Amino acid sequence: MGLDLVEVSPNSNPPVCRILDYGKYKYELAKKDKLSKKKQHSMQMKEMRYRPKIDEHDFQFKTKHVREFISEGSKVKAFVMFRGREMAHTEYGRKVLERLSEELKDIANIDSYPKQEGRKMIMVLSPNAEVMKIRKQLKDAQLSKSEKKHKKEIVKDSESSQDVATEEKAKEESN
């Protein structure tokens, strides 16, 4: 028969036990865990490094990449690295990060404002609600397209199987 006595809820009073197939029970628990992990959304943290004496083109190029990361739904950790005597003028690094936040204010929120940590000045940006809403709409649209495509494939498969069945019946009737 293959049935086992399994303690389902040991913390309740009294403990709950069931008679069931333990292998099947473990499989169903693993399946539920996998499904719940699939539905979770983990936010990815990207990093972008700036320098206090950054040129205009370099700043624009890096900012364009930060904009892409944020529009993909990732958080961005932007930091300015100081070397040697640059530590005496950290205000230049603060200006770079403030300029970055000003350029990205339309799509990003500041999670942590610029703060000094050793030789780095760090600021964390995250996508704002509008960006996340647009990403969700795009994702839903892609899912609905794939579902429609899948349904079309199922219909085609069923039609082809019906065609095969009618051909077989025609052969039987002719014999």
N, C-alpha and C. Protein backbone atom coordinates (compact mmCIF):
# COMPACT_ATOMS: atom_id res chain seq x y z
N MET A 1 0.81 -1.18 0.00
CA MET A 1 0.00 0.00 0.00
C MET A 1 0.86 1.26 0.00
N GLY A 2 1.96 1.31 0.79
CA GLY A 2 2.89 2.41 0.76
C GLY A 2 2.44 3.64 1.51
N LEU A 3 1.54 3.50 2.48
CA LEU A 3 1.09 4.66 3.24
C LEU A 3 1.89 4.78 4.53
N ASP A 4 2.10 6.02 4.96
CA ASP A 4 2.87 6.29 6.17
C ASP A 4 2.09 7.22 7.08
N LEU A 5 2.44 7.20 8.38
CA LEU A 5 1.88 8.13 9.34
C LEU A 5 2.81 9.34 9.37
N VAL A 6 2.31 10.50 8.90
CA VAL A 6 3.14 11.70 8.76
C VAL A 6 2.61 12.79 9.67
N GLU A 7 3.53 13.40 10.46
CA GLU A 7 3.18 14.52 11.32
C GLU A 7 3.17 15.79 10.47
N VAL A 8 1.99 16.31 10.18
CA VAL A 8 1.84 17.44 9.28
C VAL A 8 2.11 18.76 9.99
N SER A 9 1.58 18.93 11.19
CA SER A 9 1.72 20.18 11.92
C SER A 9 2.15 19.88 13.36
N PRO A 10 3.47 19.81 13.62
CA PRO A 10 3.94 19.44 14.96
C PRO A 10 3.76 20.54 16.00
N ASN A 11 3.65 21.80 15.59
CA ASN A 11 3.59 22.91 16.54
C ASN A 11 2.18 23.16 17.09
N SER A 12 1.16 22.61 16.45
CA SER A 12 -0.20 22.84 16.93
C SER A 12 -0.47 21.98 18.16
N ASN A 13 -1.56 22.30 18.85
CA ASN A 13 -1.90 21.55 20.05
C ASN A 13 -3.28 20.95 19.87
N PRO A 14 -3.50 19.70 19.73
CA PRO A 14 -2.54 18.60 19.66
C PRO A 14 -1.89 18.53 18.27
N PRO A 15 -0.72 17.87 18.14
CA PRO A 15 -0.06 17.75 16.84
C PRO A 15 -0.96 17.02 15.83
N VAL A 16 -0.90 17.46 14.58
CA VAL A 16 -1.75 16.90 13.54
C VAL A 16 -0.95 15.88 12.73
N CYS A 17 -1.52 14.67 12.60
CA CYS A 17 -0.90 13.61 11.82
C CYS A 17 -1.88 13.13 10.75
N ARG A 18 -1.32 12.60 9.66
CA ARG A 18 -2.14 12.06 8.58
C ARG A 18 -1.54 10.75 8.10
N ILE A 19 -2.40 9.94 7.55
CA ILE A 19 -1.93 8.72 6.89
C ILE A 19 -1.93 9.00 5.40
N LEU A 20 -0.72 9.03 4.84
CA LEU A 20 -0.60 9.33 3.41
C LEU A 20 0.71 8.79 2.86
N ASP A 21 0.87 8.90 1.55
CA ASP A 21 2.09 8.47 0.88
C ASP A 21 3.14 9.55 1.10
N TYR A 22 4.21 9.24 1.84
CA TYR A 22 5.21 10.23 2.23
C TYR A 22 5.96 10.78 1.02
N GLY A 23 6.28 9.96 0.05
CA GLY A 23 6.99 10.41 -1.14
C GLY A 23 6.18 11.43 -1.92
N LYS A 24 4.90 11.14 -2.06
CA LYS A 24 4.00 12.05 -2.76
C LYS A 24 3.88 13.37 -1.98
N TYR A 25 3.80 13.28 -0.65
CA TYR A 25 3.70 14.45 0.21
C TYR A 25 4.92 15.35 0.05
N LYS A 26 6.12 14.75 0.07
CA LYS A 26 7.35 15.53 -0.10
C LYS A 26 7.40 16.18 -1.48
N TYR A 27 6.95 15.45 -2.50
CA TYR A 27 6.93 15.97 -3.86
C TYR A 27 6.01 17.19 -3.95
N GLU A 28 4.83 17.11 -3.34
CA GLU A 28 3.88 18.22 -3.37
C GLU A 28 4.42 19.44 -2.62
N LEU A 29 5.10 19.19 -1.48
CA LEU A 29 5.71 20.31 -0.74
C LEU A 29 6.79 20.99 -1.59
N ALA A 30 7.62 20.20 -2.25
CA ALA A 30 8.67 20.76 -3.10
C ALA A 30 8.07 21.56 -4.25
N LYS A 31 6.97 21.05 -4.80
CA LYS A 31 6.29 21.73 -5.90
C LYS A 31 5.74 23.08 -5.45
N LYS A 32 5.13 23.12 -4.25
CA LYS A 32 4.60 24.37 -3.70
C LYS A 32 5.73 25.37 -3.46
N ASP A 33 6.85 24.91 -2.89
CA ASP A 33 7.99 25.79 -2.65
C ASP A 33 8.50 26.38 -3.95
N LYS A 34 8.62 25.54 -4.96
CA LYS A 34 9.11 25.98 -6.26
C LYS A 34 8.18 27.03 -6.86
N LEU A 35 6.88 26.81 -6.75
CA LEU A 35 5.89 27.74 -7.28
C LEU A 35 5.94 29.07 -6.54
N SER A 36 6.08 29.02 -5.21
CA SER A 36 6.13 30.27 -4.45
C SER A 36 7.41 31.05 -4.76
N LYS A 37 8.52 30.35 -4.98
CA LYS A 37 9.77 31.04 -5.34
C LYS A 37 9.66 31.64 -6.73
N LYS A 38 8.92 30.98 -7.61
CA LYS A 38 8.75 31.48 -8.97
C LYS A 38 7.98 32.79 -8.98
N LYS A 39 7.01 32.92 -8.07
CA LYS A 39 6.19 34.12 -8.02
C LYS A 39 6.87 35.28 -7.31
N GLN A 40 7.94 34.98 -6.55
CA GLN A 40 8.66 36.04 -5.86
C GLN A 40 9.41 36.90 -6.87
N HIS A 41 9.54 38.17 -6.55
CA HIS A 41 10.31 39.06 -7.40
C HIS A 41 11.50 39.56 -6.60
N SER A 42 12.68 39.16 -7.02
CA SER A 42 13.87 39.62 -6.32
C SER A 42 14.47 40.78 -7.12
N MET A 43 14.73 41.86 -6.43
CA MET A 43 15.27 43.03 -7.09
C MET A 43 16.78 42.89 -7.16
N GLN A 44 17.33 43.17 -8.32
CA GLN A 44 18.76 43.03 -8.52
C GLN A 44 19.44 44.36 -8.27
N MET A 45 20.64 44.32 -7.69
CA MET A 45 21.40 45.53 -7.41
C MET A 45 22.53 45.64 -8.42
N LYS A 46 22.53 46.72 -9.19
CA LYS A 46 23.61 46.99 -10.15
C LYS A 46 24.48 48.09 -9.56
N GLU A 47 25.71 48.19 -10.04
CA GLU A 47 26.61 49.23 -9.55
C GLU A 47 27.16 50.04 -10.71
N MET A 48 27.39 51.32 -10.46
CA MET A 48 28.04 52.18 -11.44
C MET A 48 29.03 53.06 -10.70
N ARG A 49 30.27 53.07 -11.19
CA ARG A 49 31.34 53.83 -10.53
C ARG A 49 31.62 55.12 -11.30
N TYR A 50 31.68 56.20 -10.57
CA TYR A 50 32.02 57.50 -11.13
C TYR A 50 33.31 57.99 -10.48
N ARG A 51 33.89 59.02 -11.05
CA ARG A 51 35.08 59.66 -10.48
C ARG A 51 34.74 61.13 -10.24
N PRO A 52 35.41 61.80 -9.31
CA PRO A 52 35.08 63.20 -9.04
C PRO A 52 35.40 64.13 -10.21
N LYS A 53 36.40 63.79 -11.03
CA LYS A 53 36.79 64.64 -12.16
C LYS A 53 36.31 64.03 -13.48
N ILE A 54 35.10 63.54 -13.51
CA ILE A 54 34.57 62.85 -14.69
C ILE A 54 34.25 63.86 -15.80
N ASP A 55 34.54 63.46 -17.02
CA ASP A 55 34.27 64.30 -18.17
C ASP A 55 32.79 64.23 -18.53
N GLU A 56 32.29 65.18 -19.30
CA GLU A 56 30.87 65.26 -19.65
C GLU A 56 30.40 64.01 -20.40
N HIS A 57 31.13 63.60 -21.42
CA HIS A 57 30.73 62.45 -22.22
C HIS A 57 30.69 61.17 -21.38
N ASP A 58 31.71 60.99 -20.54
CA ASP A 58 31.75 59.80 -19.68
C ASP A 58 30.56 59.79 -18.71
N PHE A 59 30.26 60.96 -18.17
CA PHE A 59 29.12 61.06 -17.26
C PHE A 59 27.82 60.69 -17.97
N GLN A 60 27.61 61.23 -19.17
CA GLN A 60 26.39 60.93 -19.93
C GLN A 60 26.31 59.45 -20.29
N PHE A 61 27.44 58.86 -20.67
CA PHE A 61 27.48 57.45 -21.05
C PHE A 61 27.10 56.56 -19.87
N LYS A 62 27.70 56.81 -18.73
CA LYS A 62 27.40 56.01 -17.53
C LYS A 62 25.97 56.24 -17.06
N THR A 63 25.51 57.47 -17.16
CA THR A 63 24.14 57.79 -16.74
C THR A 63 23.12 57.09 -17.64
N LYS A 64 23.45 56.97 -18.93
CA LYS A 64 22.57 56.25 -19.85
C LYS A 64 22.44 54.78 -19.42
N HIS A 65 23.55 54.18 -19.00
CA HIS A 65 23.49 52.80 -18.53
C HIS A 65 22.70 52.67 -17.23
N VAL A 66 22.86 53.63 -16.33
CA VAL A 66 22.10 53.62 -15.08
C VAL A 66 20.61 53.73 -15.40
N ARG A 67 20.25 54.57 -16.37
CA ARG A 67 18.86 54.73 -16.79
C ARG A 67 18.30 53.40 -17.30
N GLU A 68 19.10 52.66 -18.08
CA GLU A 68 18.68 51.35 -18.60
C GLU A 68 18.46 50.37 -17.45
N PHE A 69 19.39 50.35 -16.49
CA PHE A 69 19.26 49.44 -15.35
C PHE A 69 17.97 49.72 -14.59
N ILE A 70 17.69 50.99 -14.35
CA ILE A 70 16.50 51.35 -13.59
C ILE A 70 15.24 51.01 -14.38
N SER A 71 15.26 51.25 -15.69
CA SER A 71 14.07 50.93 -16.49
C SER A 71 13.84 49.43 -16.58
N GLU A 72 14.89 48.61 -16.35
CA GLU A 72 14.74 47.15 -16.28
C GLU A 72 14.19 46.71 -14.93
N GLY A 73 14.13 47.63 -13.97
CA GLY A 73 13.58 47.32 -12.66
C GLY A 73 14.63 47.02 -11.60
N SER A 74 15.90 47.27 -11.89
CA SER A 74 16.97 47.00 -10.93
C SER A 74 17.27 48.23 -10.08
N LYS A 75 17.75 47.98 -8.87
CA LYS A 75 18.26 49.07 -8.05
C LYS A 75 19.68 49.36 -8.53
N VAL A 76 20.13 50.60 -8.33
CA VAL A 76 21.48 50.97 -8.76
C VAL A 76 22.22 51.61 -7.59
N LYS A 77 23.43 51.09 -7.36
CA LYS A 77 24.30 51.66 -6.34
C LYS A 77 25.36 52.47 -7.09
N ALA A 78 25.21 53.78 -7.07
CA ALA A 78 26.16 54.67 -7.74
C ALA A 78 27.15 55.16 -6.70
N PHE A 79 28.43 55.08 -7.04
CA PHE A 79 29.41 55.55 -6.08
C PHE A 79 30.56 56.27 -6.78
N VAL A 80 31.15 57.20 -6.04
CA VAL A 80 32.29 57.96 -6.52
C VAL A 80 33.51 57.48 -5.75
N MET A 81 34.54 57.09 -6.49
CA MET A 81 35.80 56.64 -5.88
C MET A 81 36.75 57.82 -5.78
N PHE A 82 37.36 57.98 -4.62
CA PHE A 82 38.35 59.05 -4.42
C PHE A 82 39.73 58.42 -4.30
N ARG A 83 40.71 59.08 -4.92
CA ARG A 83 42.11 58.62 -4.82
C ARG A 83 42.98 59.76 -4.30
N GLY A 84 43.89 59.42 -3.44
CA GLY A 84 44.90 60.38 -2.98
C GLY A 84 44.33 61.67 -2.45
N ARG A 85 44.77 62.79 -3.07
CA ARG A 85 44.38 64.12 -2.62
C ARG A 85 42.92 64.45 -2.90
N GLU A 86 42.24 63.62 -3.68
CA GLU A 86 40.82 63.85 -3.96
C GLU A 86 39.99 63.76 -2.69
N MET A 87 40.51 63.05 -1.68
CA MET A 87 39.79 62.93 -0.41
C MET A 87 39.64 64.28 0.29
N ALA A 88 40.51 65.23 -0.04
CA ALA A 88 40.42 66.57 0.58
C ALA A 88 39.24 67.36 0.01
N HIS A 89 38.75 66.96 -1.18
CA HIS A 89 37.65 67.69 -1.83
C HIS A 89 36.52 66.73 -2.19
N THR A 90 35.89 66.19 -1.18
CA THR A 90 34.79 65.24 -1.42
C THR A 90 33.55 65.94 -1.95
N GLU A 91 33.52 67.26 -1.87
CA GLU A 91 32.35 67.99 -2.38
C GLU A 91 32.19 67.81 -3.88
N TYR A 92 33.30 67.55 -4.61
CA TYR A 92 33.19 67.31 -6.05
C TYR A 92 32.44 65.99 -6.32
N GLY A 93 32.71 65.00 -5.51
CA GLY A 93 32.01 63.72 -5.65
C GLY A 93 30.54 63.86 -5.32
N ARG A 94 30.22 64.65 -4.29
CA ARG A 94 28.83 64.89 -3.91
C ARG A 94 28.09 65.59 -5.05
N LYS A 95 28.76 66.54 -5.73
CA LYS A 95 28.14 67.23 -6.85
C LYS A 95 27.83 66.26 -7.99
N VAL A 96 28.73 65.30 -8.23
CA VAL A 96 28.50 64.31 -9.30
C VAL A 96 27.26 63.48 -8.98
N LEU A 97 27.14 63.01 -7.73
CA LEU A 97 25.99 62.19 -7.36
C LEU A 97 24.70 63.00 -7.34
N GLU A 98 24.77 64.24 -6.92
CA GLU A 98 23.57 65.09 -6.95
C GLU A 98 23.12 65.36 -8.39
N ARG A 99 24.09 65.54 -9.27
CA ARG A 99 23.77 65.74 -10.69
C ARG A 99 23.12 64.48 -11.26
N LEU A 100 23.63 63.32 -10.87
CA LEU A 100 23.06 62.05 -11.32
C LEU A 100 21.61 61.93 -10.85
N SER A 101 21.36 62.22 -9.59
CA SER A 101 19.99 62.12 -9.07
C SER A 101 19.07 63.12 -9.76
N GLU A 102 19.59 64.28 -10.12
CA GLU A 102 18.79 65.29 -10.82
C GLU A 102 18.42 64.80 -12.22
N GLU A 103 19.36 64.15 -12.91
CA GLU A 103 19.11 63.66 -14.27
C GLU A 103 18.12 62.49 -14.29
N LEU A 104 18.08 61.73 -13.19
CA LEU A 104 17.24 60.53 -13.16
C LEU A 104 15.99 60.70 -12.31
N LYS A 105 15.67 61.91 -11.91
CA LYS A 105 14.53 62.11 -11.00
C LYS A 105 13.20 61.71 -11.63
N ASP A 106 13.13 61.65 -12.97
CA ASP A 106 11.88 61.28 -13.63
C ASP A 106 11.57 59.78 -13.51
N ILE A 107 12.60 58.93 -13.35
CA ILE A 107 12.35 57.49 -13.28
C ILE A 107 12.86 56.83 -12.00
N ALA A 108 13.59 57.58 -11.16
CA ALA A 108 14.21 56.94 -9.99
C ALA A 108 13.91 57.69 -8.70
N ASN A 109 13.88 56.91 -7.62
CA ASN A 109 13.79 57.46 -6.27
C ASN A 109 15.13 57.24 -5.59
N ILE A 110 15.48 58.12 -4.69
CA ILE A 110 16.74 57.96 -3.96
C ILE A 110 16.44 57.17 -2.69
N ASP A 111 17.02 55.97 -2.59
CA ASP A 111 16.84 55.15 -1.39
C ASP A 111 17.76 55.62 -0.28
N SER A 112 19.03 55.88 -0.61
CA SER A 112 19.94 56.43 0.38
C SER A 112 20.71 57.58 -0.26
N TYR A 113 20.69 58.69 0.40
CA TYR A 113 21.36 59.89 -0.10
C TYR A 113 22.87 59.71 -0.03
N PRO A 114 23.64 60.53 -0.76
CA PRO A 114 25.10 60.36 -0.78
C PRO A 114 25.69 60.40 0.62
N LYS A 115 26.47 59.37 0.93
CA LYS A 115 27.17 59.33 2.22
C LYS A 115 28.56 58.74 2.01
N GLN A 116 29.48 59.21 2.81
CA GLN A 116 30.88 58.83 2.69
C GLN A 116 31.13 57.54 3.45
N GLU A 117 31.75 56.56 2.78
CA GLU A 117 32.18 55.32 3.43
C GLU A 117 33.61 55.05 3.00
N GLY A 118 34.55 55.48 3.80
CA GLY A 118 35.96 55.31 3.45
C GLY A 118 36.33 56.18 2.26
N ARG A 119 36.83 55.56 1.21
CA ARG A 119 37.22 56.29 0.01
C ARG A 119 36.10 56.34 -1.03
N LYS A 120 34.91 55.92 -0.66
CA LYS A 120 33.76 55.93 -1.57
C LYS A 120 32.68 56.83 -1.02
N MET A 121 31.94 57.47 -1.94
CA MET A 121 30.72 58.17 -1.58
C MET A 121 29.60 57.43 -2.32
N ILE A 122 28.64 56.90 -1.57
CA ILE A 122 27.65 55.98 -2.12
C ILE A 122 26.25 56.57 -2.08
N MET A 123 25.49 56.28 -3.16
CA MET A 123 24.08 56.66 -3.22
C MET A 123 23.34 55.49 -3.88
N VAL A 124 22.16 55.13 -3.37
CA VAL A 124 21.37 54.03 -3.93
C VAL A 124 20.10 54.59 -4.54
N LEU A 125 19.85 54.20 -5.79
CA LEU A 125 18.66 54.62 -6.53
C LEU A 125 17.79 53.41 -6.82
N SER A 126 16.48 53.59 -6.80
CA SER A 126 15.57 52.51 -7.16
C SER A 126 14.51 53.04 -8.12
N PRO A 127 13.93 52.15 -8.93
CA PRO A 127 12.89 52.60 -9.86
C PRO A 127 11.67 53.12 -9.11
N ASN A 128 11.05 54.17 -9.64
CA ASN A 128 9.85 54.68 -8.98
C ASN A 128 8.63 53.86 -9.39
N ALA A 129 7.50 54.17 -8.82
CA ALA A 129 6.28 53.38 -9.03
C ALA A 129 5.84 53.36 -10.48
N GLU A 130 6.02 54.48 -11.19
CA GLU A 130 5.62 54.54 -12.60
C GLU A 130 6.37 53.52 -13.44
N VAL A 131 7.68 53.45 -13.24
CA VAL A 131 8.52 52.53 -14.01
C VAL A 131 8.10 51.09 -13.72
N MET A 132 7.86 50.79 -12.45
CA MET A 132 7.48 49.42 -12.10
C MET A 132 6.11 49.08 -12.68
N LYS A 133 5.21 50.04 -12.73
CA LYS A 133 3.88 49.82 -13.30
C LYS A 133 3.99 49.51 -14.79
N ILE A 134 4.81 50.28 -15.50
CA ILE A 134 5.01 50.05 -16.93
C ILE A 134 5.63 48.69 -17.18
N ARG A 135 6.63 48.33 -16.34
CA ARG A 135 7.27 47.00 -16.49
C ARG A 135 6.26 45.88 -16.29
N LYS A 136 5.37 46.04 -15.31
CA LYS A 136 4.36 45.02 -15.04
C LYS A 136 3.40 44.89 -16.22
N GLN A 137 3.00 46.03 -16.81
CA GLN A 137 2.11 45.99 -17.97
C GLN A 137 2.78 45.29 -19.14
N LEU A 138 4.05 45.59 -19.38
CA LEU A 138 4.78 44.94 -20.47
C LEU A 138 4.89 43.44 -20.23
N LYS A 139 5.18 43.07 -19.00
CA LYS A 139 5.31 41.66 -18.65
C LYS A 139 3.99 40.93 -18.85
N ASP A 140 2.89 41.55 -18.40
CA ASP A 140 1.56 40.95 -18.57
C ASP A 140 1.22 40.80 -20.05
N ALA A 141 1.58 41.81 -20.84
CA ALA A 141 1.31 41.75 -22.29
C ALA A 141 2.10 40.60 -22.92
N GLN A 142 3.34 40.43 -22.51
CA GLN A 142 4.15 39.33 -23.05
C GLN A 142 3.58 37.99 -22.64
N LEU A 143 3.11 37.89 -21.39
CA LEU A 143 2.52 36.63 -20.93
C LEU A 143 1.26 36.31 -21.72
N SER A 144 0.42 37.32 -21.95
CA SER A 144 -0.82 37.06 -22.67
C SER A 144 -0.52 36.66 -24.12
N LYS A 145 0.52 37.24 -24.74
CA LYS A 145 0.91 36.84 -26.09
C LYS A 145 1.36 35.39 -26.11
N SER A 146 2.17 35.01 -25.12
CA SER A 146 2.67 33.63 -25.09
C SER A 146 1.54 32.65 -24.81
N GLU A 147 0.56 33.06 -23.98
CA GLU A 147 -0.60 32.19 -23.72
C GLU A 147 -1.42 32.00 -24.99
N LYS A 148 -1.63 33.10 -25.74
CA LYS A 148 -2.38 33.00 -26.99
C LYS A 148 -1.65 32.08 -27.97
N LYS A 149 -0.34 32.22 -28.04
CA LYS A 149 0.46 31.39 -28.94
C LYS A 149 0.34 29.93 -28.53
N HIS A 150 0.41 29.68 -27.23
CA HIS A 150 0.30 28.32 -26.72
C HIS A 150 -1.08 27.74 -27.05
N LYS A 151 -2.14 28.54 -26.90
CA LYS A 151 -3.49 28.07 -27.21
C LYS A 151 -3.62 27.75 -28.70
N LYS A 152 -3.01 28.59 -29.55
CA LYS A 152 -3.05 28.33 -30.99
C LYS A 152 -2.36 27.01 -31.32
N GLU A 153 -1.23 26.75 -30.64
CA GLU A 153 -0.50 25.49 -30.87
C GLU A 153 -1.36 24.31 -30.45
N ILE A 154 -2.06 24.44 -29.33
CA ILE A 154 -2.92 23.35 -28.86
C ILE A 154 -4.05 23.11 -29.86
N VAL A 155 -4.64 24.19 -30.36
CA VAL A 155 -5.72 24.06 -31.35
C VAL A 155 -5.20 23.39 -32.61
N LYS A 156 -4.02 23.79 -33.08
CA LYS A 156 -3.43 23.19 -34.27
C LYS A 156 -3.17 21.70 -34.05
N ASP A 157 -2.63 21.36 -32.87
CA ASP A 157 -2.37 19.95 -32.56
C ASP A 157 -3.65 19.14 -32.54
N SER A 158 -4.71 19.70 -31.94
CA SER A 158 -5.97 18.97 -31.87
C SER A 158 -6.59 18.83 -33.26
N GLU A 159 -6.45 19.88 -34.08
CA GLU A 159 -6.97 19.80 -35.44
C GLU A 159 -6.22 18.74 -36.25
N SER A 160 -4.89 18.71 -36.09
CA SER A 160 -4.11 17.73 -36.85
C SER A 160 -4.43 16.31 -36.37
N SER A 161 -4.67 16.13 -35.08
CA SER A 161 -5.03 14.80 -34.58
C SER A 161 -6.42 14.40 -35.07
N GLN A 162 -7.33 15.39 -35.19
CA GLN A 162 -8.66 15.09 -35.73
C GLN A 162 -8.56 14.71 -37.21
N ASP A 163 -7.69 15.41 -37.94
CA ASP A 163 -7.49 15.09 -39.36
C ASP A 163 -6.97 13.67 -39.51
N VAL A 164 -6.01 13.28 -38.66
CA VAL A 164 -5.46 11.93 -38.72
C VAL A 164 -6.55 10.91 -38.40
N ALA A 165 -7.39 11.23 -37.40
CA ALA A 165 -8.46 10.30 -37.02
C ALA A 165 -9.47 10.14 -38.16
N THR A 166 -9.83 11.22 -38.84
CA THR A 166 -10.79 11.12 -39.96
C THR A 166 -10.19 10.37 -41.13
N GLU A 167 -8.89 10.53 -41.36
CA GLU A 167 -8.23 9.79 -42.43
C GLU A 167 -8.24 8.29 -42.13
N GLU A 168 -7.99 7.95 -40.84
CA GLU A 168 -7.99 6.53 -40.45
C GLU A 168 -9.39 5.94 -40.63
N LYS A 169 -10.43 6.70 -40.25
CA LYS A 169 -11.80 6.22 -40.42
C LYS A 169 -12.13 6.01 -41.89
N ALA A 170 -11.66 6.95 -42.73
CA ALA A 170 -11.91 6.82 -44.17
C ALA A 170 -11.25 5.57 -44.73
N LYS A 171 -10.04 5.26 -44.26
CA LYS A 171 -9.34 4.06 -44.71
C LYS A 171 -10.08 2.80 -44.27
N GLU A 172 -10.57 2.82 -43.02
CA GLU A 172 -11.30 1.66 -42.51
C GLU A 172 -12.58 1.43 -43.29
N GLU A 173 -13.29 2.52 -43.61
CA GLU A 173 -14.54 2.39 -44.33
C GLU A 173 -14.32 1.90 -45.77
N SER A 174 -13.21 2.32 -46.36
CA SER A 174 -12.94 1.89 -47.74
C SER A 174 -12.52 0.42 -47.79
N ASN A 175 -11.95 -0.10 -46.69
CA ASN A 175 -11.54 -1.52 -46.66
C ASN A 175 -12.70 -2.36 -46.36
